[in-house]
Amino acid sequence: MLDVKDIMQKDLHVALLRDNYIHGMKYSYEEYLIDFLNSSKIKFDKGNKEFKRISSQAHGECDATNDIYEIDFKIFADTNHIGGKKNYSLGIVRMGGATFYTQPERVTGHIEYYDMLKLIRGKKVDFYRNIMEEEDDMYVPLIKFMKKIEMDKNILLFLPFQYYFEHSETTEEVGRLIAKCIAEEFRELVAYRKEITLKDTYIGFVSKDKFILLKENDGCIEYYDMIKTKNSRLYCDLVELSTPY
């Protein structure tokens, strides 16, 4: 029997989080998230039309639309996390059909960042109502992110980690178990967002070869859908290119 204490957390490679990280490739992480949405229930629930990326966002437009429903993608991460991963990860270059790897910009030291999931753990709605008064520096990344939480847009919070059980495939049963744990972490934060806006809130994360979606529904965060990551060619290509060994 699986124990939630055995859930593993593993960083997604920076190539999956930072647009155009791989030299010689022009892409955005938003593109594979759109692939996942187009393979999920959300497509059918929101008019059964394909989502596409909104190319121009100069005036605060969302990231994706199917001409009926718009949604914005937000990576739930300390900005130092992704920036630091860039500095300490192998460079990747695509040229003439070949792939080359270069030394990281930095080879000593370590990334200093706060895990946002740990920052919100155990917090209540009142904490978020008064977060601007928080003086502890560890909450600075969360304070900066609150502007995104308070946006009057439908949003998908994308977690920059994999969550999985080491010796178990991510079946629907396993996915629901992990999703329940993630939902508990976000319960109070999403309840606060509900006070600010009635727009939809989704949470998405990778679990081995699956992408799992949660959705806020009547004050509860619930398992919504599970999509095979192979449904996005871009995602699979990025995983392959960022795994040289």
C-alpha atoms as a PDB file:
ATOM      1  CA  MET A   1       0.000   0.000   0.000  1.00  0.00           C
ATOM      2  CA  LEU A   2       1.347   3.412  -0.947  1.00  0.00           C
ATOM      3  CA  ASP A   3       2.210   5.885   1.793  1.00  0.00           C
ATOM      4  CA  VAL A   4       2.052   9.606   0.970  1.00  0.00           C
ATOM      5  CA  LYS A   5       5.264  10.048   2.969  1.00  0.00           C
ATOM      6  CA  ASP A   6       7.005   8.239   0.110  1.00  0.00           C
ATOM      7  CA  ILE A   7       6.024  10.774  -2.550  1.00  0.00           C
ATOM      8  CA  MET A   8       9.191  11.892  -4.334  1.00  0.00           C
ATOM      9  CA  GLN A   9       9.879  15.414  -5.589  1.00  0.00           C
ATOM     10  CA  LYS A  10      12.244  15.981  -8.507  1.00  0.00           C
ATOM     11  CA  ASP A  11      13.129  19.174 -10.353  1.00  0.00           C
ATOM     12  CA  LEU A  12      11.994  19.533 -13.930  1.00  0.00           C
ATOM     13  CA  HIS A  13      14.931  20.387 -16.174  1.00  0.00           C
ATOM     14  CA  VAL A  14      15.327  24.091 -16.852  1.00  0.00           C
ATOM     15  CA  ALA A  15      14.796  23.412 -20.583  1.00  0.00           C
ATOM     16  CA  LEU A  16      11.189  22.581 -19.693  1.00  0.00           C
ATOM     17  CA  LEU A  17      10.696  25.813 -17.781  1.00  0.00           C
ATOM     18  CA  ARG A  18      12.669  28.493 -19.594  1.00  0.00           C
ATOM     19  CA  ASP A  19      11.628  29.523 -23.098  1.00  0.00           C
ATOM     20  CA  ASN A  20      14.261  28.959 -25.810  1.00  0.00           C
ATOM     21  CA  TYR A  21      16.742  27.504 -23.328  1.00  0.00           C
ATOM     22  CA  ILE A  22      18.000  25.131 -26.010  1.00  0.00           C
ATOM     23  CA  HIS A  23      20.001  27.160 -28.526  1.00  0.00           C
ATOM     24  CA  GLY A  24      18.824  26.514 -32.056  1.00  0.00           C
ATOM     25  CA  MET A  25      15.245  25.831 -30.961  1.00  0.00           C
ATOM     26  CA  LYS A  26      12.530  28.440 -30.655  1.00  0.00           C
ATOM     27  CA  TYR A  27       9.849  27.280 -28.262  1.00  0.00           C
ATOM     28  CA  SER A  28       7.913  28.100 -25.100  1.00  0.00           C
ATOM     29  CA  TYR A  29       6.826  25.901 -22.222  1.00  0.00           C
ATOM     30  CA  GLU A  30       3.364  27.331 -22.871  1.00  0.00           C
ATOM     31  CA  GLU A  31       3.231  25.305 -26.082  1.00  0.00           C
ATOM     32  CA  TYR A  32       3.423  21.910 -24.404  1.00  0.00           C
ATOM     33  CA  LEU A  33       0.966  23.012 -21.715  1.00  0.00           C
ATOM     34  CA  ILE A  34      -1.430  23.859 -24.540  1.00  0.00           C
ATOM     35  CA  ASP A  35      -0.817  20.389 -25.988  1.00  0.00           C
ATOM     36  CA  PHE A  36      -1.823  18.920 -22.636  1.00  0.00           C
ATOM     37  CA  LEU A  37      -4.946  21.084 -22.433  1.00  0.00           C
ATOM     38  CA  ASN A  38      -5.994  19.995 -25.907  1.00  0.00           C
ATOM     39  CA  SER A  39      -5.767  16.373 -24.750  1.00  0.00           C
ATOM     40  CA  SER A  40      -7.704  17.006 -21.549  1.00  0.00           C
ATOM     41  CA  LYS A  41     -11.260  17.406 -20.322  1.00  0.00           C
ATOM     42  CA  ILE A  42     -10.883  21.180 -20.279  1.00  0.00           C
ATOM     43  CA  LYS A  43     -11.057  21.269 -24.071  1.00  0.00           C
ATOM     44  CA  PHE A  44     -14.408  19.482 -24.029  1.00  0.00           C
ATOM     45  CA  ASP A  45     -15.709  21.393 -20.998  1.00  0.00           C
ATOM     46  CA  LYS A  46     -14.923  24.733 -22.632  1.00  0.00           C
ATOM     47  CA  GLY A  47     -16.611  24.414 -26.013  1.00  0.00           C
ATOM     48  CA  ASN A  48     -14.720  21.455 -27.520  1.00  0.00           C
ATOM     49  CA  LYS A  49     -12.435  23.765 -29.477  1.00  0.00           C
ATOM     50  CA  GLU A  50      -8.650  23.566 -29.682  1.00  0.00           C
ATOM     51  CA  PHE A  51      -6.631  25.955 -27.562  1.00  0.00           C
ATOM     52  CA  LYS A  52      -3.947  27.994 -29.260  1.00  0.00           C
ATOM     53  CA  ARG A  53      -1.277  30.320 -27.998  1.00  0.00           C
ATOM     54  CA  ILE A  54      -1.970  34.052 -27.997  1.00  0.00           C
ATOM     55  CA  SER A  55       1.132  35.389 -29.724  1.00  0.00           C
ATOM     56  CA  SER A  56       0.773  39.021 -28.663  1.00  0.00           C
ATOM     57  CA  GLN A  57       0.360  39.724 -24.951  1.00  0.00           C
ATOM     58  CA  ALA A  58       1.293  43.393 -25.013  1.00  0.00           C
ATOM     59  CA  HIS A  59      -1.953  44.458 -23.371  1.00  0.00           C
ATOM     60  CA  GLY A  60      -2.274  41.857 -20.645  1.00  0.00           C
ATOM     61  CA  GLU A  61      -3.831  39.139 -22.781  1.00  0.00           C
ATOM     62  CA  CYS A  62      -3.900  35.575 -21.471  1.00  0.00           C
ATOM     63  CA  ASP A  63      -1.480  32.943 -22.748  1.00  0.00           C
ATOM     64  CA  ALA A  64      -3.980  30.676 -24.507  1.00  0.00           C
ATOM     65  CA  THR A  65      -7.502  30.770 -25.924  1.00  0.00           C
ATOM     66  CA  ASN A  66      -9.936  28.593 -27.833  1.00  0.00           C
ATOM     67  CA  ASP A  67     -11.971  31.695 -28.778  1.00  0.00           C
ATOM     68  CA  ILE A  68     -14.469  30.790 -26.050  1.00  0.00           C
ATOM     69  CA  TYR A  69     -12.276  30.500 -22.972  1.00  0.00           C
ATOM     70  CA  GLU A  70      -8.947  32.110 -22.075  1.00  0.00           C
ATOM     71  CA  ILE A  71      -6.351  30.915 -19.594  1.00  0.00           C
ATOM     72  CA  ASP A  72      -3.020  32.162 -18.253  1.00  0.00           C
ATOM     73  CA  PHE A  73      -0.071  29.951 -17.262  1.00  0.00           C
ATOM     74  CA  LYS A  74       2.013  30.730 -14.178  1.00  0.00           C
ATOM     75  CA  ILE A  75       4.997  28.678 -13.022  1.00  0.00           C
ATOM     76  CA  PHE A  76       4.644  28.417  -9.248  1.00  0.00           C
ATOM     77  CA  ALA A  77       8.290  29.073  -8.444  1.00  0.00           C
ATOM     78  CA  ASP A  78      10.727  31.455  -6.841  1.00  0.00           C
ATOM     79  CA  THR A  79      12.346  33.360  -9.730  1.00  0.00           C
ATOM     80  CA  ASN A  80      15.750  32.492  -8.226  1.00  0.00           C
ATOM     81  CA  HIS A  81      14.913  28.832  -8.730  1.00  0.00           C
ATOM     82  CA  ILE A  82      14.625  28.942 -12.518  1.00  0.00           C
ATOM     83  CA  GLY A  83      17.353  31.552 -12.917  1.00  0.00           C
ATOM     84  CA  GLY A  84      19.702  29.508 -10.761  1.00  0.00           C
ATOM     85  CA  LYS A  85      18.965  26.322 -12.675  1.00  0.00           C
ATOM     86  CA  LYS A  86      20.004  28.111 -15.862  1.00  0.00           C
ATOM     87  CA  ASN A  87      23.367  29.012 -14.341  1.00  0.00           C
ATOM     88  CA  TYR A  88      24.136  25.535 -13.010  1.00  0.00           C
ATOM     89  CA  SER A  89      22.760  23.353 -15.835  1.00  0.00           C
ATOM     90  CA  LEU A  90      24.496  22.078 -18.951  1.00  0.00           C
ATOM     91  CA  GLY A  91      24.003  24.279 -21.980  1.00  0.00           C
ATOM     92  CA  ILE A  92      22.207  22.572 -24.873  1.00  0.00           C
ATOM     93  CA  VAL A  93      22.760  23.437 -28.535  1.00  0.00           C
ATOM     94  CA  ARG A  94      20.881  22.042 -31.536  1.00  0.00           C
ATOM     95  CA  MET A  95      22.715  22.458 -34.822  1.00  0.00           C
ATOM     96  CA  GLY A  96      22.198  20.672 -38.129  1.00  0.00           C
ATOM     97  CA  GLY A  97      20.190  17.891 -36.525  1.00  0.00           C
ATOM     98  CA  ALA A  98      22.879  17.223 -33.899  1.00  0.00           C
ATOM     99  CA  THR A  99      22.836  18.038 -30.189  1.00  0.00           C
ATOM    100  CA  PHE A 100      25.817  19.449 -28.288  1.00  0.00           C
ATOM    101  CA  TYR A 101      26.233  20.060 -24.570  1.00  0.00           C
ATOM    102  CA  THR A 102      28.330  22.814 -23.024  1.00  0.00           C
ATOM    103  CA  GLN A 103      29.613  23.420 -19.529  1.00  0.00           C
ATOM    104  CA  PRO A 104      27.319  25.264 -17.102  1.00  0.00           C
ATOM    105  CA  GLU A 105      27.934  28.959 -16.560  1.00  0.00           C
ATOM    106  CA  ARG A 106      28.819  28.056 -12.961  1.00  0.00           C
ATOM    107  CA  VAL A 107      30.351  24.816 -11.738  1.00  0.00           C
ATOM    108  CA  THR A 108      30.747  25.612  -8.036  1.00  0.00           C
ATOM    109  CA  GLY A 109      28.274  26.776  -5.447  1.00  0.00           C
ATOM    110  CA  HIS A 110      24.589  25.987  -5.279  1.00  0.00           C
ATOM    111  CA  ILE A 111      21.211  27.489  -6.104  1.00  0.00           C
ATOM    112  CA  GLU A 112      19.667  29.493  -3.295  1.00  0.00           C
ATOM    113  CA  TYR A 113      15.901  29.599  -3.567  1.00  0.00           C
ATOM    114  CA  TYR A 114      12.739  28.918  -1.610  1.00  0.00           C
ATOM    115  CA  ASP A 115      10.441  26.019  -2.445  1.00  0.00           C
ATOM    116  CA  MET A 116       7.104  27.792  -2.868  1.00  0.00           C
ATOM    117  CA  LEU A 117       5.142  24.703  -1.884  1.00  0.00           C
ATOM    118  CA  LYS A 118       6.911  24.691   1.473  1.00  0.00           C
ATOM    119  CA  LEU A 119       6.251  28.412   1.906  1.00  0.00           C
ATOM    120  CA  ILE A 120       2.484  27.929   1.637  1.00  0.00           C
ATOM    121  CA  ARG A 121       2.387  24.746   3.726  1.00  0.00           C
ATOM    122  CA  GLY A 122       0.155  25.108   6.776  1.00  0.00           C
ATOM    123  CA  LYS A 123      -0.777  28.720   6.055  1.00  0.00           C
ATOM    124  CA  LYS A 124      -4.351  29.966   6.549  1.00  0.00           C
ATOM    125  CA  VAL A 125      -6.396  32.453   4.536  1.00  0.00           C
ATOM    126  CA  ASP A 126      -5.642  35.212   7.052  1.00  0.00           C
ATOM    127  CA  PHE A 127      -1.931  34.842   6.306  1.00  0.00           C
ATOM    128  CA  TYR A 128      -2.540  35.743   2.659  1.00  0.00           C
ATOM    129  CA  ARG A 129      -4.856  38.608   3.546  1.00  0.00           C
ATOM    130  CA  ASN A 130      -2.044  40.167   5.570  1.00  0.00           C
ATOM    131  CA  ILE A 131       0.988  38.913   3.677  1.00  0.00           C
ATOM    132  CA  MET A 132       2.141  42.401   2.674  1.00  0.00           C
ATOM    133  CA  GLU A 133       2.903  43.021   6.356  1.00  0.00           C
ATOM    134  CA  GLU A 134       5.140  39.955   6.553  1.00  0.00           C
ATOM    135  CA  GLU A 135       8.711  40.995   7.404  1.00  0.00           C
ATOM    136  CA  ASP A 136      10.491  37.655   7.097  1.00  0.00           C
ATOM    137  CA  ASP A 137      12.630  37.708   3.926  1.00  0.00           C
ATOM    138  CA  MET A 138      11.821  34.076   3.187  1.00  0.00           C
ATOM    139  CA  TYR A 139       8.329  35.148   2.104  1.00  0.00           C
ATOM    140  CA  VAL A 140       9.529  37.700  -0.466  1.00  0.00           C
ATOM    141  CA  PRO A 141       9.124  35.249  -3.412  1.00  0.00           C
ATOM    142  CA  LEU A 142       5.580  34.460  -2.302  1.00  0.00           C
ATOM    143  CA  ILE A 143       4.727  38.139  -1.857  1.00  0.00           C
ATOM    144  CA  LYS A 144       5.903  38.803  -5.421  1.00  0.00           C
ATOM    145  CA  PHE A 145       3.827  35.891  -6.701  1.00  0.00           C
ATOM    146  CA  MET A 146       0.646  37.098  -4.997  1.00  0.00           C
ATOM    147  CA  LYS A 147       0.056  39.597  -7.811  1.00  0.00           C
ATOM    148  CA  LYS A 148      -0.383  36.615 -10.121  1.00  0.00           C
ATOM    149  CA  ILE A 149      -2.654  34.827  -7.661  1.00  0.00           C
ATOM    150  CA  GLU A 150      -4.869  37.910  -7.459  1.00  0.00           C
ATOM    151  CA  MET A 151      -5.177  38.344 -11.234  1.00  0.00           C
ATOM    152  CA  ASP A 152      -8.738  38.407 -12.534  1.00  0.00           C
ATOM    153  CA  LYS A 153      -7.970  35.687 -15.068  1.00  0.00           C
ATOM    154  CA  ASN A 154      -8.430  31.954 -15.364  1.00  0.00           C
ATOM    155  CA  ILE A 155      -5.037  30.560 -14.384  1.00  0.00           C
ATOM    156  CA  LEU A 156      -3.115  27.305 -14.441  1.00  0.00           C
ATOM    157  CA  LEU A 157      -0.467  27.136 -11.726  1.00  0.00           C
ATOM    158  CA  PHE A 158       2.288  24.913 -13.107  1.00  0.00           C
ATOM    159  CA  LEU A 159       4.551  23.258 -10.536  1.00  0.00           C
ATOM    160  CA  PRO A 160       8.237  23.050 -11.587  1.00  0.00           C
ATOM    161  CA  PHE A 161       8.714  19.597 -10.059  1.00  0.00           C
ATOM    162  CA  GLN A 162       7.713  16.032 -10.707  1.00  0.00           C
ATOM    163  CA  TYR A 163       5.780  14.300  -7.914  1.00  0.00           C
ATOM    164  CA  TYR A 164       5.737  10.518  -8.028  1.00  0.00           C
ATOM    165  CA  PHE A 165       6.280   7.223  -6.213  1.00  0.00           C
ATOM    166  CA  GLU A 166       9.657   5.721  -7.045  1.00  0.00           C
ATOM    167  CA  HIS A 167       8.512   2.123  -7.470  1.00  0.00           C
ATOM    168  CA  SER A 168       5.027   2.699  -8.833  1.00  0.00           C
ATOM    169  CA  GLU A 169       3.668   3.769 -12.179  1.00  0.00           C
ATOM    170  CA  THR A 170       1.387   6.805 -12.118  1.00  0.00           C
ATOM    171  CA  THR A 171      -1.970   5.146 -12.646  1.00  0.00           C
ATOM    172  CA  GLU A 172      -5.170   7.115 -12.130  1.00  0.00           C
ATOM    173  CA  GLU A 173      -5.375   5.796  -8.562  1.00  0.00           C
ATOM    174  CA  VAL A 174      -1.814   6.915  -7.850  1.00  0.00           C
ATOM    175  CA  GLY A 175      -2.395  10.240  -9.594  1.00  0.00           C
ATOM    176  CA  ARG A 176      -5.456  10.905  -7.463  1.00  0.00           C
ATOM    177  CA  LEU A 177      -3.497  10.152  -4.298  1.00  0.00           C
ATOM    178  CA  ILE A 178      -0.711  12.579  -5.201  1.00  0.00           C
ATOM    179  CA  ALA A 179      -3.257  15.169  -6.361  1.00  0.00           C
ATOM    180  CA  LYS A 180      -5.017  14.973  -3.004  1.00  0.00           C
ATOM    181  CA  CYS A 181      -1.760  15.876  -1.236  1.00  0.00           C
ATOM    182  CA  ILE A 182      -1.062  18.764  -3.611  1.00  0.00           C
ATOM    183  CA  ALA A 183      -4.646  19.997  -3.194  1.00  0.00           C
ATOM    184  CA  GLU A 184      -4.239  20.133   0.570  1.00  0.00           C
ATOM    185  CA  GLU A 185      -1.140  22.328   0.215  1.00  0.00           C
ATOM    186  CA  PHE A 186      -3.011  24.831  -1.971  1.00  0.00           C
ATOM    187  CA  ARG A 187      -6.382  24.798  -0.198  1.00  0.00           C
ATOM    188  CA  GLU A 188      -6.006  28.035   1.764  1.00  0.00           C
ATOM    189  CA  LEU A 189      -4.177  29.937  -0.982  1.00  0.00           C
ATOM    190  CA  VAL A 190      -6.887  29.106  -3.508  1.00  0.00           C
ATOM    191  CA  ALA A 191      -9.568  29.994  -0.936  1.00  0.00           C
ATOM    192  CA  TYR A 192      -7.934  33.419  -0.665  1.00  0.00           C
ATOM    193  CA  ARG A 193      -7.900  33.766  -4.448  1.00  0.00           C
ATOM    194  CA  LYS A 194     -11.605  32.930  -4.433  1.00  0.00           C
ATOM    195  CA  GLU A 195     -12.179  36.018  -2.276  1.00  0.00           C
ATOM    196  CA  ILE A 196     -10.489  38.162  -4.934  1.00  0.00           C
ATOM    197  CA  THR A 197     -11.853  36.702  -8.166  1.00  0.00           C
ATOM    198  CA  LEU A 198     -14.400  34.172  -9.382  1.00  0.00           C
ATOM    199  CA  LYS A 199     -12.172  33.105 -12.275  1.00  0.00           C
ATOM    200  CA  ASP A 200     -11.096  29.461 -12.526  1.00  0.00           C
ATOM    201  CA  THR A 201      -7.987  28.056 -10.859  1.00  0.00           C
ATOM    202  CA  TYR A 202      -6.194  24.955 -12.135  1.00  0.00           C
ATOM    203  CA  ILE A 203      -3.028  23.342 -10.792  1.00  0.00           C
ATOM    204  CA  GLY A 204      -0.849  21.138 -12.990  1.00  0.00           C
ATOM    205  CA  PHE A 205       2.184  18.951 -12.393  1.00  0.00           C
ATOM    206  CA  VAL A 206       4.127  16.129 -14.003  1.00  0.00           C
ATOM    207  CA  SER A 207       4.196  12.635 -12.514  1.00  0.00           C
ATOM    208  CA  LYS A 208       6.473  10.345 -14.531  1.00  0.00           C
ATOM    209  CA  ASP A 209       4.759   9.948 -17.920  1.00  0.00           C
ATOM    210  CA  LYS A 210       1.580  11.761 -16.907  1.00  0.00           C
ATOM    211  CA  PHE A 211       0.478  15.376 -16.536  1.00  0.00           C
ATOM    212  CA  ILE A 212      -2.084  15.769 -13.765  1.00  0.00           C
ATOM    213  CA  LEU A 213      -4.601  18.585 -13.540  1.00  0.00           C
ATOM    214  CA  LEU A 214      -6.482  19.757 -10.462  1.00  0.00           C
ATOM    215  CA  LYS A 215      -9.301  22.281 -10.443  1.00  0.00           C
ATOM    216  CA  GLU A 216     -10.956  24.439  -7.804  1.00  0.00           C
ATOM    217  CA  ASN A 217     -14.651  23.605  -7.632  1.00  0.00           C
ATOM    218  CA  ASP A 218     -17.041  25.179  -5.116  1.00  0.00           C
ATOM    219  CA  GLY A 219     -14.235  25.915  -2.689  1.00  0.00           C
ATOM    220  CA  CYS A 220     -12.545  22.512  -3.009  1.00  0.00           C
ATOM    221  CA  ILE A 221      -9.489  21.601  -5.066  1.00  0.00           C
ATOM    222  CA  GLU A 222     -10.165  18.333  -6.835  1.00  0.00           C
ATOM    223  CA  TYR A 223      -8.464  15.920  -9.176  1.00  0.00           C
ATOM    224  CA  TYR A 224      -9.622  16.940 -12.654  1.00  0.00           C
ATOM    225  CA  ASP A 225      -7.802  14.948 -15.315  1.00  0.00           C
ATOM    226  CA  MET A 226      -4.659  13.015 -16.194  1.00  0.00           C
ATOM    227  CA  ILE A 227      -2.975  13.306 -19.593  1.00  0.00           C
ATOM    228  CA  LYS A 228      -0.182  11.220 -21.075  1.00  0.00           C
ATOM    229  CA  THR A 229       2.888  13.397 -21.601  1.00  0.00           C
ATOM    230  CA  LYS A 230       3.478  11.659 -24.943  1.00  0.00           C
ATOM    231  CA  ASN A 231       0.531  13.715 -26.230  1.00  0.00           C
ATOM    232  CA  SER A 232       2.974  16.608 -26.545  1.00  0.00           C
ATOM    233  CA  ARG A 233       5.773  16.044 -29.026  1.00  0.00           C
ATOM    234  CA  LEU A 234       7.507  19.190 -27.796  1.00  0.00           C
ATOM    235  CA  TYR A 235       7.489  18.016 -24.187  1.00  0.00           C
ATOM    236  CA  CYS A 236       8.936  14.633 -25.150  1.00  0.00           C
ATOM    237  CA  ASP A 237      11.609  16.261 -27.325  1.00  0.00           C
ATOM    238  CA  LEU A 238      12.637  18.596 -24.507  1.00  0.00           C
ATOM    239  CA  VAL A 239      12.881  15.718 -22.040  1.00  0.00           C
ATOM    240  CA  GLU A 240      15.013  13.709 -24.468  1.00  0.00           C
ATOM    241  CA  LEU A 241      17.325  16.606 -25.316  1.00  0.00           C
ATOM    242  CA  SER A 242      17.797  17.555 -21.661  1.00  0.00           C
ATOM    243  CA  THR A 243      18.727  13.986 -20.651  1.00  0.00           C
ATOM    244  CA  PRO A 244      22.118  13.399 -22.308  1.00  0.00           C
ATOM    245  CA  TYR A 245      23.154  10.431 -20.159  1.00  0.00           C
END
